[in-house]
Amino acid sequence: MHEFSIVQSIAEIALETARNNGAGQISSVEVEVGQSAGVVRDAMEFAWEAAGRGTLLEGASLVLKEIPLVVRCRNCQKTFHPDELFDPCPACGDINPEIISGKELRVVAIEVKYK
């Protein structure tokens, strides 16, 4: 389960940011997760609880915002939203996508409480 190592990295980012800004507690961490980022939401949520125990993250919510997969066909330049990365282009049937969005995995907001 690589989600645990991903969540550990997210926790480290949040904790370092909170400490550097004198926060007493972290309320929530918002993360953008691309539809094709290759992570399982349930596994991330499970790992989040374990990662926060005994830290400023304890009790903090993990808010996962899904970013839809958007690709552009390299053959005809049509932009579309496939269900899967290698779905054929609806315009020309080619399977050679350029990813526009949907592979992201980034911390976008950390809500803290001050002492």
Protein backbone atom coordinates (compact mmCIF):
# COMPACT_ATOMS: atom_id res chain seq x y z
CA MET A 1 0.00 0.00 0.00
CA HIS A 2 1.98 3.01 -1.25
CA GLU A 3 -0.79 5.30 0.02
CA PHE A 4 0.73 5.13 3.49
CA SER A 5 4.04 6.61 2.29
CA ILE A 6 2.13 9.27 0.33
CA VAL A 7 0.12 10.18 3.44
CA GLN A 8 3.31 10.30 5.52
CA SER A 9 4.75 12.84 3.06
CA ILE A 10 1.56 14.91 3.18
CA ALA A 11 1.64 14.80 7.00
CA GLU A 12 5.28 15.94 7.03
CA ILE A 13 4.45 18.89 4.77
CA ALA A 14 1.50 19.89 6.97
CA LEU A 15 3.42 19.49 10.24
CA GLU A 16 6.43 21.46 9.02
CA THR A 17 4.18 24.25 7.74
CA ALA A 18 2.25 24.37 11.01
CA ARG A 19 5.41 24.44 13.15
CA ASN A 20 7.03 27.13 10.99
CA ASN A 21 3.94 29.29 11.45
CA GLY A 22 3.46 28.77 15.20
CA ALA A 23 0.23 26.79 14.89
CA GLY A 24 -1.04 24.86 17.88
CA GLN A 25 -3.21 22.40 15.96
CA ILE A 26 -4.01 21.43 12.38
CA SER A 27 -7.74 21.33 11.59
CA SER A 28 -7.66 20.05 8.03
CA VAL A 29 -5.42 19.42 5.06
CA GLU A 30 -6.79 19.71 1.52
CA VAL A 31 -5.15 17.62 -1.18
CA GLU A 32 -5.88 17.58 -4.90
CA VAL A 33 -5.79 14.04 -6.25
CA GLY A 34 -5.92 13.42 -9.98
CA GLN A 35 -8.34 10.79 -11.23
CA SER A 36 -5.36 8.89 -12.71
CA ALA A 37 -2.88 9.56 -9.91
CA GLY A 38 -2.92 5.88 -8.98
CA VAL A 39 -4.02 6.23 -5.36
CA VAL A 40 -6.93 4.66 -3.52
CA ARG A 41 -8.95 7.23 -1.58
CA ASP A 42 -10.08 4.80 1.12
CA ALA A 43 -6.50 3.69 1.74
CA MET A 44 -5.36 7.31 2.05
CA GLU A 45 -8.13 8.09 4.52
CA PHE A 46 -7.26 5.01 6.59
CA ALA A 47 -3.55 5.89 6.60
CA TRP A 48 -4.34 9.51 7.52
CA GLU A 49 -5.74 8.57 10.90
CA ALA A 50 -2.65 6.51 11.75
CA ALA A 51 -0.23 9.20 10.52
CA GLY A 52 -1.77 11.87 12.73
CA ARG A 53 -1.74 10.06 16.08
CA GLY A 54 0.16 11.97 18.75
CA THR A 55 0.89 14.97 16.50
CA LEU A 56 -0.62 18.35 15.64
CA LEU A 57 -2.56 16.40 12.99
CA GLU A 58 -4.52 14.30 15.47
CA GLY A 59 -8.20 14.80 14.73
CA ALA A 60 -7.51 16.79 11.55
CA SER A 61 -9.58 15.97 8.50
CA LEU A 62 -8.07 15.02 5.17
CA VAL A 63 -10.05 16.66 2.36
CA LEU A 64 -9.44 14.95 -0.96
CA LYS A 65 -10.52 16.92 -4.04
CA GLU A 66 -10.59 14.84 -7.20
CA ILE A 67 -9.17 16.43 -10.35
CA PRO A 68 -10.77 14.92 -13.46
CA LEU A 69 -8.69 13.32 -16.16
CA VAL A 70 -8.41 15.57 -19.21
CA VAL A 71 -6.36 14.58 -22.25
CA ARG A 72 -5.65 15.93 -25.71
CA CYS A 73 -5.34 13.59 -28.66
CA ARG A 74 -1.88 13.97 -30.20
CA ASN A 75 -3.33 12.99 -33.58
CA CYS A 76 -6.31 15.38 -34.01
CA GLN A 77 -5.80 17.73 -31.01
CA LYS A 78 -9.29 17.03 -29.58
CA THR A 79 -9.48 17.61 -25.81
CA PHE A 80 -11.72 15.17 -23.93
CA HIS A 81 -12.46 13.53 -20.55
CA PRO A 82 -11.85 9.77 -20.84
CA ASP A 83 -12.88 7.31 -18.14
CA GLU A 84 -9.46 5.65 -18.42
CA LEU A 85 -6.16 7.12 -19.61
CA PHE A 86 -5.93 5.01 -22.76
CA ASP A 87 -9.53 5.26 -23.93
CA PRO A 88 -9.61 6.02 -27.66
CA CYS A 89 -10.18 9.57 -28.87
CA PRO A 90 -13.91 10.09 -29.53
CA ALA A 91 -13.10 12.14 -32.65
CA CYS A 92 -10.53 10.01 -34.47
CA GLY A 93 -10.20 6.76 -32.47
CA ASP A 94 -6.45 7.20 -31.91
CA ILE A 95 -4.94 6.13 -28.58
CA ASN A 96 -2.07 8.56 -28.01
CA PRO A 97 -3.14 10.97 -25.25
CA GLU A 98 -1.29 13.98 -23.91
CA ILE A 99 -2.31 14.41 -20.27
CA ILE A 100 -3.63 17.90 -19.49
CA SER A 101 -4.81 17.15 -15.93
CA GLY A 102 -5.66 14.21 -13.76
CA LYS A 103 -2.24 13.01 -12.54
CA GLU A 104 -1.89 15.65 -9.77
CA LEU A 105 -1.20 14.88 -6.14
CA ARG A 106 -0.58 18.09 -4.21
CA VAL A 107 -1.31 19.77 -0.90
CA VAL A 108 -3.30 22.92 -1.64
CA ALA A 109 -4.43 24.13 1.81
CA ILE A 110 -3.67 23.60 5.46
CA GLU A 111 -6.14 24.93 8.04
CA VAL A 112 -4.59 25.55 11.45
CA LYS A 113 -5.54 26.81 14.88
CA TYR A 114 -3.17 29.04 16.79
CA LYS A 115 -2.28 28.63 20.45
